Structures are given as structure tokens and as C-alpha cells.
């Protein structure tokens, strides 16, 4: 039977990924484990006595070139692509076991995750999904950078970027509730400028970067093309946004507008939104297209 979008879901079986951290360059093994309804997304450091860090706003740590979570003194870094895939594909509850401090970068997009979710399947749980329904505008501004969330149906996103050439200005407008995440957002890869490489390496970052996990841009253009989309850069920013806003703990019902924003502003919006209890309420659903309907296996409802 078809899954109903307004019920919570978890993955059907355990899923393993192996790779390296984008910034640490450290090898990491990651395993996604099915979780009970109502438990949310929880990271578990298997190398540190299974210490757990829920993926929620109060655990946001240092945010610059990636989104990191910290509880106590334990860190888990570069969480945004996996969180984006989980929200985009409609997986509410999962335990993420990692044996190092950073989630593997894989190909720099969310595509390996959603392909794995399709291959292994998801299962519906008996708990109705709660959405964070936006009731009034909440905005964050920093110079020419801006992000805001507003009341609206579905999960609308309007994102603009303006980088030096050869990227320039790009805009993406879409709605996560239409089921377009798999085709329009998930394949978009992270990117970086060649001229920034020395600086970033001196900062202890991008030690795991390669042509296989990021779009490399020089003044002459893309060094390791072709691009997957003509506007792949802004689509990746949307991918990051969805992952960062997952830290609200629930999928958003509303409309997000961002201009020249990034991880720091995404997570600042989450924290400002969560602090203003009059700006949102919990609601049981809106109509959305199920990203997992392309899974060939017949999926059964299970007790949570």
C-alpha cells in the first residue's frame, strides 16, 4: 500500500555508508538505524561510548563552512546534507551512528542518501507527523544577507545567491511539498573556489576535498564539470537550507525566503524561530507528494 505523507516514517533496514569527512579528511563509517516513532533524528558517536546528540537547535555548535552539533564536549560535524536528505525524503525517525567527528561527504550532494532510502525502503509508523506551522514572520538580517520565514501552505522556498563570476546571480523557487526534492535538489553538489583553497587548508578545513565530492571553481570556470544543473550552485544552497532548518525538530509548514544567506544565518533563523513561541504551532499535516512512492517494494504499516 502507498505511504501516507502525514504519518511518521523511519527506514526499513539499517543502511551503511563509508567515506571521509570533507573538512577533517578522516575516514568515517556511518550506519543509519531505524528508530521508534517520536524519537526524531539522533546522532550517536560509536567511538565515544555511543554518546548521543539529538539533531535539534539547542545543540547547534560552531557554524561557518558546515553545520556542527555539540552536546557537552562531544561534536558531530557537517550534518546538513544527511539532514536535508532525511527531511526531503520524509524520514522522521532515525539513529545515525558515526565512528568519527564528521559525517562522510560522499559525492557532495544528498543523492547517495535518497538513492539508498529508495533501495532499502522506508516504513510508515502509527504516529501522525507534526509540522512546525509558521504563524507570523521571523527574520534575520546581516548587511546585504537576509533570511525570513513566513506563514504559508506547504514548504515554499525562494533562495537567491550572488557570487563572483563565473557563478553570479542565481535564484531558485520551489515547494518541498510538491515532491520535487529527489529530482531538483538532492543531486546538487557542494562547491568551492580554487583561489580559497590555501586559506581554507590553513584553517584546518577541506582536508577531504576532491574532484569527486565538490564542484571546483576557478576564474576560468568550473574545473570538473559538467554541472548537473545550470543553476546547481543555488540548488545546493537550498539543499543546505533544508538540512539546517531540520534542526527545528520538525518539517516546516510555511515559506522561507533567503538572500545571500548561509549556514550561520540558516541556524540563526532556527534559533530565533524556536525562541518566539508565538511564531509557530504544531499542526498535523498538509498535503504533500510522497518522495518514497517510487520505491518498488510494498511497504506495510508497522507498530511504532
C-alpha atoms as a PDB file:
ATOM      1  CA  UNK A   1       0.000   0.000   0.000  1.00  0.00           C
ATOM      2  CA  UNK A   2       1.095   3.602  -0.508  1.00  0.00           C
ATOM      3  CA  UNK A   3       2.599   5.502   2.372  1.00  0.00           C
ATOM      4  CA  UNK A   4       0.599   8.421   3.733  1.00  0.00           C
ATOM      5  CA  UNK A   5       2.596  11.630   3.915  1.00  0.00           C
ATOM      6  CA  UNK A   6       1.041  12.740   7.200  1.00  0.00           C
ATOM      7  CA  UNK A   7       2.323   9.771   9.220  1.00  0.00           C
ATOM      8  CA  UNK A   8       5.834   9.493  10.615  1.00  0.00           C
ATOM      9  CA  UNK A   9       8.331   7.182   8.946  1.00  0.00           C
ATOM     10  CA  UNK A  10      11.645   5.537   9.552  1.00  0.00           C
ATOM     11  CA  UNK A  11      13.935   3.500   7.319  1.00  0.00           C
ATOM     12  CA  UNK A  12      13.057  -0.148   6.800  1.00  0.00           C
ATOM     13  CA  UNK A  13      16.535  -1.593   7.402  1.00  0.00           C
ATOM     14  CA  UNK A  14      19.963  -0.458   8.528  1.00  0.00           C
ATOM     15  CA  UNK A  15      21.974   1.392   5.865  1.00  0.00           C
ATOM     16  CA  UNK A  16      25.769   1.788   5.886  1.00  0.00           C
ATOM     17  CA  UNK A  17      27.928   4.457   4.292  1.00  0.00           C
ATOM     18  CA  UNK A  18      31.715   4.745   4.197  1.00  0.00           C
ATOM     19  CA  UNK A  19      33.729   7.792   3.230  1.00  0.00           C
ATOM     20  CA  UNK A  20      35.803  10.685   4.504  1.00  0.00           C
ATOM     21  CA  UNK A  21      34.938  13.929   6.223  1.00  0.00           C
ATOM     22  CA  UNK A  22      35.026  16.957   3.919  1.00  0.00           C
ATOM     23  CA  UNK A  23      36.883  19.135   6.400  1.00  0.00           C
ATOM     24  CA  UNK A  24      38.692  16.633   8.643  1.00  0.00           C
ATOM     25  CA  UNK A  25      39.728  14.276   5.850  1.00  0.00           C
ATOM     26  CA  UNK A  26      39.257  11.483   8.398  1.00  0.00           C
ATOM     27  CA  UNK A  27      37.809   8.123   7.323  1.00  0.00           C
ATOM     28  CA  UNK A  28      34.348   7.529   8.765  1.00  0.00           C
ATOM     29  CA  UNK A  29      31.869   4.697   8.836  1.00  0.00           C
ATOM     30  CA  UNK A  30      28.239   5.685   9.262  1.00  0.00           C
ATOM     31  CA  UNK A  31      25.233   3.476   9.850  1.00  0.00           C
ATOM     32  CA  UNK A  32      21.604   4.602   9.811  1.00  0.00           C
ATOM     33  CA  UNK A  33      19.371   2.580  12.139  1.00  0.00           C
ATOM     34  CA  UNK A  34      15.546   2.524  12.253  1.00  0.00           C
ATOM     35  CA  UNK A  35      14.147   4.402  15.252  1.00  0.00           C
ATOM     36  CA  UNK A  36      10.792   4.445  17.093  1.00  0.00           C
ATOM     37  CA  UNK A  37       8.104   6.994  16.280  1.00  0.00           C
ATOM     38  CA  UNK A  38       8.531  10.295  18.066  1.00  0.00           C
ATOM     39  CA  UNK A  39      12.271   9.898  18.594  1.00  0.00           C
ATOM     40  CA  UNK A  40      13.422  12.242  15.808  1.00  0.00           C
ATOM     41  CA  UNK A  41      16.913  12.256  14.305  1.00  0.00           C
ATOM     42  CA  UNK A  42      19.672  11.403  16.782  1.00  0.00           C
ATOM     43  CA  UNK A  43      23.408  11.190  16.093  1.00  0.00           C
ATOM     44  CA  UNK A  44      25.360   8.579  18.057  1.00  0.00           C
ATOM     45  CA  UNK A  45      29.172   8.651  18.333  1.00  0.00           C
ATOM     46  CA  UNK A  46      30.056   4.965  18.437  1.00  0.00           C
ATOM     47  CA  UNK A  47      33.704   5.855  19.071  1.00  0.00           C
ATOM     48  CA  UNK A  48      32.712   7.711  22.254  1.00  0.00           C
ATOM     49  CA  UNK A  49      30.653   5.170  24.205  1.00  0.00           C
ATOM     50  CA  UNK A  50      27.600   5.696  21.974  1.00  0.00           C
ATOM     51  CA  UNK A  51      27.173   9.285  23.158  1.00  0.00           C
ATOM     52  CA  UNK A  52      24.019  10.738  21.620  1.00  0.00           C
ATOM     53  CA  UNK A  53      23.367  14.197  20.171  1.00  0.00           C
ATOM     54  CA  UNK A  54      19.789  14.933  19.035  1.00  0.00           C
ATOM     55  CA  UNK A  55      19.555  16.999  15.845  1.00  0.00           C
ATOM     56  CA  UNK A  56      17.793  19.991  17.396  1.00  0.00           C
ATOM     57  CA  UNK A  57      18.504  23.700  17.509  1.00  0.00           C
ATOM     58  CA  UNK A  58      19.830  23.916  21.053  1.00  0.00           C
ATOM     59  CA  UNK A  59      22.676  21.577  20.085  1.00  0.00           C
ATOM     60  CA  UNK A  60      23.950  23.765  17.228  1.00  0.00           C
ATOM     61  CA  UNK A  61      27.654  24.410  17.691  1.00  0.00           C
ATOM     62  CA  UNK A  62      30.186  26.259  15.547  1.00  0.00           C
ATOM     63  CA  UNK A  63      28.674  27.143  12.177  1.00  0.00           C
ATOM     64  CA  UNK A  64      30.818  28.522   9.359  1.00  0.00           C
ATOM     65  CA  UNK A  65      31.604  26.305   6.404  1.00  0.00           C
ATOM     66  CA  UNK A  66      29.415  23.489   7.743  1.00  0.00           C
ATOM     67  CA  UNK A  67      26.772  22.893  10.391  1.00  0.00           C
ATOM     68  CA  UNK A  68      28.011  21.150  13.518  1.00  0.00           C
ATOM     69  CA  UNK A  69      26.190  19.869  16.579  1.00  0.00           C
ATOM     70  CA  UNK A  70      27.619  19.645  20.078  1.00  0.00           C
ATOM     71  CA  UNK A  71      26.340  18.279  23.357  1.00  0.00           C
ATOM     72  CA  UNK A  72      28.639  18.581  26.323  1.00  0.00           C
ATOM     73  CA  UNK A  73      32.071  18.422  24.749  1.00  0.00           C
ATOM     74  CA  UNK A  74      31.122  15.942  22.002  1.00  0.00           C
ATOM     75  CA  UNK A  75      30.935  17.207  18.424  1.00  0.00           C
ATOM     76  CA  UNK A  76      29.399  15.923  15.207  1.00  0.00           C
ATOM     77  CA  UNK A  77      30.154  17.984  12.125  1.00  0.00           C
ATOM     78  CA  UNK A  78      28.870  18.551   8.570  1.00  0.00           C
ATOM     79  CA  UNK A  79      25.382  17.248   9.277  1.00  0.00           C
ATOM     80  CA  UNK A  80      23.474  19.320   6.733  1.00  0.00           C
ATOM     81  CA  UNK A  81      23.441  17.018   3.676  1.00  0.00           C
ATOM     82  CA  UNK A  82      22.167  13.991   5.585  1.00  0.00           C
ATOM     83  CA  UNK A  83      19.573  16.044   7.470  1.00  0.00           C
ATOM     84  CA  UNK A  84      18.424  17.545   4.173  1.00  0.00           C
ATOM     85  CA  UNK A  85      18.000  14.101   2.618  1.00  0.00           C
ATOM     86  CA  UNK A  86      16.012  12.834   5.595  1.00  0.00           C
ATOM     87  CA  UNK A  87      13.639  15.805   5.570  1.00  0.00           C
ATOM     88  CA  UNK A  88      13.415  15.853   1.783  1.00  0.00           C
ATOM     89  CA  UNK A  89      12.589  12.155   1.573  1.00  0.00           C
ATOM     90  CA  UNK A  90      10.222  12.211   4.547  1.00  0.00           C
ATOM     91  CA  UNK A  91      12.174  10.172   7.112  1.00  0.00           C
ATOM     92  CA  UNK A  92      11.283  11.415  10.594  1.00  0.00           C
ATOM     93  CA  UNK A  93      12.978   8.992  12.962  1.00  0.00           C
ATOM     94  CA  UNK A  94      16.466   7.519  12.638  1.00  0.00           C
ATOM     95  CA  UNK A  95      19.606   6.905  14.668  1.00  0.00           C
ATOM     96  CA  UNK A  96      22.784   7.998  12.871  1.00  0.00           C
ATOM     97  CA  UNK A  97      25.788   6.046  14.138  1.00  0.00           C
ATOM     98  CA  UNK A  98      29.186   7.521  13.237  1.00  0.00           C
ATOM     99  CA  UNK A  99      32.640   6.440  14.378  1.00  0.00           C
ATOM    100  CA  UNK A 100      34.323   9.826  13.935  1.00  0.00           C
ATOM    101  CA  UNK A 101      33.579  13.521  14.316  1.00  0.00           C
ATOM    102  CA  UNK A 102      32.247  14.218  10.824  1.00  0.00           C
ATOM    103  CA  UNK A 103      29.536  12.826   8.543  1.00  0.00           C
ATOM    104  CA  UNK A 104      31.060  11.476   5.292  1.00  0.00           C
ATOM    105  CA  UNK A 105      30.843  13.882   2.362  1.00  0.00           C
ATOM    106  CA  UNK A 106      30.232  11.142  -0.261  1.00  0.00           C
ATOM    107  CA  UNK A 107      29.673  12.904  -3.619  1.00  0.00           C
ATOM    108  CA  UNK A 108      28.970  16.305  -2.025  1.00  0.00           C
ATOM    109  CA  UNK A 109      25.200  16.110  -2.504  1.00  0.00           C
ATOM    110  CA  UNK A 110      22.228  14.332  -0.916  1.00  0.00           C
ATOM    111  CA  UNK A 111      21.767  11.976  -3.862  1.00  0.00           C
ATOM    112  CA  UNK A 112      23.577   8.937  -2.363  1.00  0.00           C
ATOM    113  CA  UNK A 113      21.262   9.132   0.644  1.00  0.00           C
ATOM    114  CA  UNK A 114      17.965   9.321  -1.214  1.00  0.00           C
ATOM    115  CA  UNK A 115      19.047   6.539  -3.569  1.00  0.00           C
ATOM    116  CA  UNK A 116      19.817   4.393  -0.510  1.00  0.00           C
ATOM    117  CA  UNK A 117      16.439   5.242   1.038  1.00  0.00           C
ATOM    118  CA  UNK A 118      14.735   4.161  -2.175  1.00  0.00           C
ATOM    119  CA  UNK A 119      16.753   0.950  -2.427  1.00  0.00           C
ATOM    120  CA  UNK A 120      16.251  -0.103   1.203  1.00  0.00           C
ATOM    121  CA  UNK A 121      12.760   1.291   1.668  1.00  0.00           C
ATOM    122  CA  UNK A 122      11.020   3.250   4.392  1.00  0.00           C
ATOM    123  CA  UNK A 123       8.220   2.154   6.671  1.00  0.00           C
ATOM    124  CA  UNK A 124       5.228   4.035   7.952  1.00  0.00           C
ATOM    125  CA  UNK A 125       4.664   4.367  11.680  1.00  0.00           C
ATOM    126  CA  UNK A 126       1.421   4.831  13.573  1.00  0.00           C
ATOM    127  CA  UNK A 127       2.151   8.309  14.901  1.00  0.00           C
ATOM    128  CA  UNK A 128       0.861  11.290  12.920  1.00  0.00           C
ATOM    129  CA  UNK A 129       3.602  13.624  11.762  1.00  0.00           C
ATOM    130  CA  UNK A 130       3.688  17.013  13.474  1.00  0.00           C
ATOM    131  CA  UNK A 131       4.672  20.028  11.407  1.00  0.00           C
ATOM    132  CA  UNK A 132       6.018  23.313  12.674  1.00  0.00           C
ATOM    133  CA  UNK A 133       3.375  25.647  11.283  1.00  0.00           C
ATOM    134  CA  UNK A 134       4.620  29.221  10.965  1.00  0.00           C
ATOM    135  CA  UNK A 135       2.127  31.769  12.320  1.00  0.00           C
ATOM    136  CA  UNK A 136       3.996  35.026  11.799  1.00  0.00           C
ATOM    137  CA  UNK A 137       7.127  36.296  10.118  1.00  0.00           C
ATOM    138  CA  UNK A 138      10.535  35.769  11.696  1.00  0.00           C
ATOM    139  CA  UNK A 139      13.537  37.397  10.003  1.00  0.00           C
ATOM    140  CA  UNK A 140      17.318  37.611  10.350  1.00  0.00           C
ATOM    141  CA  UNK A 141      19.342  40.330   8.614  1.00  0.00           C
ATOM    142  CA  UNK A 142      23.089  40.889   8.401  1.00  0.00           C
ATOM    143  CA  UNK A 143      24.134  43.616   5.980  1.00  0.00           C
ATOM    144  CA  UNK A 144      23.103  42.508   2.495  1.00  0.00           C
ATOM    145  CA  UNK A 145      22.300  38.990   3.768  1.00  0.00           C
ATOM    146  CA  UNK A 146      18.767  38.075   4.714  1.00  0.00           C
ATOM    147  CA  UNK A 147      16.578  35.117   5.637  1.00  0.00           C
ATOM    148  CA  UNK A 148      12.979  35.013   6.779  1.00  0.00           C
ATOM    149  CA  UNK A 149      10.177  32.537   7.320  1.00  0.00           C
ATOM    150  CA  UNK A 150       6.504  33.375   6.804  1.00  0.00           C
ATOM    151  CA  UNK A 151       3.099  31.704   7.077  1.00  0.00           C
ATOM    152  CA  UNK A 152       2.128  29.622   4.064  1.00  0.00           C
ATOM    153  CA  UNK A 153       0.902  26.270   2.850  1.00  0.00           C
ATOM    154  CA  UNK A 154       3.390  23.531   2.034  1.00  0.00           C
ATOM    155  CA  UNK A 155       7.120  24.238   2.414  1.00  0.00           C
ATOM    156  CA  UNK A 156       7.908  27.042  -0.013  1.00  0.00           C
ATOM    157  CA  UNK A 157      11.487  28.177  -0.628  1.00  0.00           C
ATOM    158  CA  UNK A 158      12.733  31.246  -2.505  1.00  0.00           C
ATOM    159  CA  UNK A 159      16.542  31.389  -2.421  1.00  0.00           C
ATOM    160  CA  UNK A 160      18.868  33.856  -4.172  1.00  0.00           C
ATOM    161  CA  UNK A 161      22.668  33.873  -4.302  1.00  0.00           C
ATOM    162  CA  UNK A 162      25.095  36.387  -5.779  1.00  0.00           C
ATOM    163  CA  UNK A 163      28.703  35.196  -6.013  1.00  0.00           C
ATOM    164  CA  UNK A 164      31.629  36.497  -8.048  1.00  0.00           C
ATOM    165  CA  UNK A 165      31.790  35.233 -11.611  1.00  0.00           C
ATOM    166  CA  UNK A 166      31.607  32.651 -13.012  1.00  0.00           C
ATOM    167  CA  UNK A 167      28.608  31.957 -10.705  1.00  0.00           C
ATOM    168  CA  UNK A 168      26.965  35.365 -10.490  1.00  0.00           C
ATOM    169  CA  UNK A 169      23.305  35.718  -9.520  1.00  0.00           C
ATOM    170  CA  UNK A 170      21.041  32.664  -9.312  1.00  0.00           C
ATOM    171  CA  UNK A 171      17.550  32.161  -7.902  1.00  0.00           C
ATOM    172  CA  UNK A 172      15.552  29.042  -7.130  1.00  0.00           C
ATOM    173  CA  UNK A 173      11.878  28.953  -6.210  1.00  0.00           C
ATOM    174  CA  UNK A 174      10.087  25.758  -5.324  1.00  0.00           C
ATOM    175  CA  UNK A 175       7.961  23.885  -2.815  1.00  0.00           C
ATOM    176  CA  UNK A 176       9.173  20.833  -0.932  1.00  0.00           C
ATOM    177  CA  UNK A 177       5.564  19.659  -0.592  1.00  0.00           C
ATOM    178  CA  UNK A 178       5.332  19.026  -4.345  1.00  0.00           C
ATOM    179  CA  UNK A 179       7.719  16.074  -4.162  1.00  0.00           C
ATOM    180  CA  UNK A 180      10.464  17.636  -6.268  1.00  0.00           C
ATOM    181  CA  UNK A 181      13.309  17.133  -3.780  1.00  0.00           C
ATOM    182  CA  UNK A 182      14.600  13.939  -5.371  1.00  0.00           C
ATOM    183  CA  UNK A 183      14.902  15.347  -8.878  1.00  0.00           C
ATOM    184  CA  UNK A 184      15.539  19.053  -8.326  1.00  0.00           C
ATOM    185  CA  UNK A 185      17.517  19.380  -5.068  1.00  0.00           C
ATOM    186  CA  UNK A 186      19.163  16.145  -3.931  1.00  0.00           C
ATOM    187  CA  UNK A 187      21.719  15.870  -6.807  1.00  0.00           C
ATOM    188  CA  UNK A 188      23.118  19.408  -6.310  1.00  0.00           C
ATOM    189  CA  UNK A 189      26.721  19.275  -5.031  1.00  0.00           C
ATOM    190  CA  UNK A 190      28.691  21.489  -2.706  1.00  0.00           C
ATOM    191  CA  UNK A 191      31.162  23.872  -4.321  1.00  0.00           C
ATOM    192  CA  UNK A 192      34.212  25.982  -3.612  1.00  0.00           C
ATOM    193  CA  UNK A 193      36.557  28.475  -5.231  1.00  0.00           C
ATOM    194  CA  UNK A 194      40.061  27.329  -6.158  1.00  0.00           C
ATOM    195  CA  UNK A 195      41.545  30.640  -5.010  1.00  0.00           C
ATOM    196  CA  UNK A 196      40.261  29.988  -1.456  1.00  0.00           C
ATOM    197  CA  UNK A 197      41.870  26.556  -1.169  1.00  0.00           C
ATOM    198  CA  UNK A 198      45.121  27.628   0.521  1.00  0.00           C
ATOM    199  CA  UNK A 199      43.293  29.793   3.055  1.00  0.00           C
ATOM    200  CA  UNK A 200      40.820  27.063   3.942  1.00  0.00           C
ATOM    201  CA  UNK A 201      43.523  24.430   4.312  1.00  0.00           C
ATOM    202  CA  UNK A 202      45.465  26.760   6.589  1.00  0.00           C
ATOM    203  CA  UNK A 203      42.319  26.992   8.703  1.00  0.00           C
ATOM    204  CA  UNK A 204      42.278  23.193   9.008  1.00  0.00           C
ATOM    205  CA  UNK A 205      39.363  22.800   6.612  1.00  0.00           C
ATOM    206  CA  UNK A 206      38.635  20.895   3.347  1.00  0.00           C
ATOM    207  CA  UNK A 207      41.254  18.218   4.073  1.00  0.00           C
ATOM    208  CA  UNK A 208      38.959  15.646   2.479  1.00  0.00           C
ATOM    209  CA  UNK A 209      38.010  17.608  -0.620  1.00  0.00           C
ATOM    210  CA  UNK A 210      38.480  16.121  -4.083  1.00  0.00           C
ATOM    211  CA  UNK A 211      37.078  16.480  -7.584  1.00  0.00           C
ATOM    212  CA  UNK A 212      34.686  13.636  -6.724  1.00  0.00           C
ATOM    213  CA  UNK A 213      32.913  15.405  -3.851  1.00  0.00           C
ATOM    214  CA  UNK A 214      32.774  19.095  -4.767  1.00  0.00           C
ATOM    215  CA  UNK A 215      32.459  21.435  -7.714  1.00  0.00           C
ATOM    216  CA  UNK A 216      35.783  23.258  -8.065  1.00  0.00           C
ATOM    217  CA  UNK A 217      35.514  26.770  -9.497  1.00  0.00           C
ATOM    218  CA  UNK A 218      38.381  28.878 -10.862  1.00  0.00           C
ATOM    219  CA  UNK A 219      38.281  32.278 -12.527  1.00  0.00           C
ATOM    220  CA  UNK A 220      38.081  30.459 -15.852  1.00  0.00           C
ATOM    221  CA  UNK A 221      35.005  28.471 -14.826  1.00  0.00           C
ATOM    222  CA  UNK A 222      34.118  25.032 -13.458  1.00  0.00           C
ATOM    223  CA  UNK A 223      37.212  22.799 -13.435  1.00  0.00           C
ATOM    224  CA  UNK A 224      35.480  19.449 -13.003  1.00  0.00           C
ATOM    225  CA  UNK A 225      32.242  19.747 -14.951  1.00  0.00           C
ATOM    226  CA  UNK A 226      29.776  19.171 -16.313  1.00  0.00           C
ATOM    227  CA  UNK A 227      27.289  20.637 -13.872  1.00  0.00           C
ATOM    228  CA  UNK A 228      24.227  18.558 -13.026  1.00  0.00           C
ATOM    229  CA  UNK A 229      22.049  21.688 -13.369  1.00  0.00           C
ATOM    230  CA  UNK A 230      22.751  25.042 -14.986  1.00  0.00           C
ATOM    231  CA  UNK A 231      21.934  26.590 -11.586  1.00  0.00           C
ATOM    232  CA  UNK A 232      23.434  23.843  -9.428  1.00  0.00           C
ATOM    233  CA  UNK A 233      25.014  26.355  -7.046  1.00  0.00           C
ATOM    234  CA  UNK A 234      21.770  27.855  -5.762  1.00  0.00           C
ATOM    235  CA  UNK A 235      20.139  24.431  -5.676  1.00  0.00           C
ATOM    236  CA  UNK A 236      22.881  23.264  -3.332  1.00  0.00           C
ATOM    237  CA  UNK A 237      22.208  26.258  -1.097  1.00  0.00           C
ATOM    238  CA  UNK A 238      18.573  25.161  -0.978  1.00  0.00           C
ATOM    239  CA  UNK A 239      19.755  21.642  -0.073  1.00  0.00           C
ATOM    240  CA  UNK A 240      21.812  23.107   2.789  1.00  0.00           C
ATOM    241  CA  UNK A 241      18.888  25.259   3.919  1.00  0.00           C
ATOM    242  CA  UNK A 242      16.547  22.270   4.187  1.00  0.00           C
ATOM    243  CA  UNK A 243      19.144  20.396   6.245  1.00  0.00           C
ATOM    244  CA  UNK A 244      19.815  23.315   8.559  1.00  0.00           C
ATOM    245  CA  UNK A 245      16.119  24.051   9.116  1.00  0.00           C
ATOM    246  CA  UNK A 246      15.661  20.391  10.062  1.00  0.00           C
ATOM    247  CA  UNK A 247      17.178  21.471  13.373  1.00  0.00           C
ATOM    248  CA  UNK A 248      13.791  22.961  14.237  1.00  0.00           C
ATOM    249  CA  UNK A 249      12.999  19.328  15.026  1.00  0.00           C
ATOM    250  CA  UNK A 250      10.112  19.080  12.558  1.00  0.00           C
ATOM    251  CA  UNK A 251       9.391  19.783   8.935  1.00  0.00           C
ATOM    252  CA  UNK A 252       8.262  23.363   8.408  1.00  0.00           C
ATOM    253  CA  UNK A 253       4.884  24.451   7.101  1.00  0.00           C
ATOM    254  CA  UNK A 254       5.437  27.922   5.726  1.00  0.00           C
ATOM    255  CA  UNK A 255       7.525  29.871   3.234  1.00  0.00           C
ATOM    256  CA  UNK A 256      11.240  30.626   3.508  1.00  0.00           C
ATOM    257  CA  UNK A 257      12.940  33.488   1.661  1.00  0.00           C
ATOM    258  CA  UNK A 258      16.749  33.754   1.672  1.00  0.00           C
ATOM    259  CA  UNK A 259      19.160  36.151   0.001  1.00  0.00           C
ATOM    260  CA  UNK A 260      22.916  35.537   0.170  1.00  0.00           C
ATOM    261  CA  UNK A 261      22.410  33.517   3.331  1.00  0.00           C
ATOM    262  CA  UNK A 262      24.443  30.523   4.544  1.00  0.00           C
ATOM    263  CA  UNK A 263      24.737  28.028   7.390  1.00  0.00           C
ATOM    264  CA  UNK A 264      25.162  30.657  10.109  1.00  0.00           C
ATOM    265  CA  UNK A 265      22.052  32.561   9.056  1.00  0.00           C
ATOM    266  CA  UNK A 266      20.041  29.375   8.491  1.00  0.00           C
ATOM    267  CA  UNK A 267      20.702  28.188  12.026  1.00  0.00           C
ATOM    268  CA  UNK A 268      20.246  31.691  13.468  1.00  0.00           C
ATOM    269  CA  UNK A 269      16.752  31.662  11.951  1.00  0.00           C
ATOM    270  CA  UNK A 270      16.025  28.301  13.591  1.00  0.00           C
ATOM    271  CA  UNK A 271      17.090  29.594  16.987  1.00  0.00           C
ATOM    272  CA  UNK A 272      15.146  32.840  16.658  1.00  0.00           C
ATOM    273  CA  UNK A 273      12.055  30.978  15.486  1.00  0.00           C
ATOM    274  CA  UNK A 274      12.199  28.478  18.325  1.00  0.00           C
ATOM    275  CA  UNK A 275      12.619  31.235  20.933  1.00  0.00           C
ATOM    276  CA  UNK A 276       9.454  33.020  19.783  1.00  0.00           C
ATOM    277  CA  UNK A 277       6.740  30.592  20.832  1.00  0.00           C
ATOM    278  CA  UNK A 278       4.064  32.902  19.396  1.00  0.00           C
ATOM    279  CA  UNK A 279       5.550  32.479  15.897  1.00  0.00           C
ATOM    280  CA  UNK A 280       4.568  28.846  15.410  1.00  0.00           C
ATOM    281  CA  UNK A 281       2.372  25.987  16.489  1.00  0.00           C
ATOM    282  CA  UNK A 282       2.441  22.245  15.998  1.00  0.00           C
ATOM    283  CA  UNK A 283      -0.003  21.037  13.358  1.00  0.00           C
ATOM    284  CA  UNK A 284      -0.885  17.662  11.907  1.00  0.00           C
ATOM    285  CA  UNK A 285      -0.083  17.976   8.299  1.00  0.00           C
ATOM    286  CA  UNK A 286      -0.677  19.433   4.907  1.00  0.00           C
ATOM    287  CA  UNK A 287      -0.977  17.765   1.539  1.00  0.00           C
ATOM    288  CA  UNK A 288       2.408  16.777   0.138  1.00  0.00           C
ATOM    289  CA  UNK A 289       3.672  14.435  -2.545  1.00  0.00           C
ATOM    290  CA  UNK A 290       5.398  11.353  -1.189  1.00  0.00           C
ATOM    291  CA  UNK A 291       9.025  11.167  -2.372  1.00  0.00           C
ATOM    292  CA  UNK A 292       9.177   7.481  -1.462  1.00  0.00           C
ATOM    293  CA  UNK A 293       6.351   6.349  -3.730  1.00  0.00           C
ATOM    294  CA  UNK A 294       8.879   5.277  -6.348  1.00  0.00           C
ATOM    295  CA  UNK A 295      10.104   2.506  -4.062  1.00  0.00           C
ATOM    296  CA  UNK A 296       9.037  -0.716  -5.766  1.00  0.00           C
ATOM    297  CA  UNK A 297       8.634  -2.717  -2.573  1.00  0.00           C
ATOM    298  CA  UNK A 298       5.166  -2.791  -0.999  1.00  0.00           C
ATOM    299  CA  UNK A 299       5.543  -1.102   2.379  1.00  0.00           C
ATOM    300  CA  UNK A 300       3.475  -2.143   5.353  1.00  0.00           C
ATOM    301  CA  UNK A 301       2.350  -0.046   8.312  1.00  0.00           C
ATOM    302  CA  UNK A 302       4.144  -1.164  11.445  1.00  0.00           C
ATOM    303  CA  UNK A 303       3.663  -0.582  15.110  1.00  0.00           C
ATOM    304  CA  UNK A 304       5.969   2.109  16.455  1.00  0.00           C
END
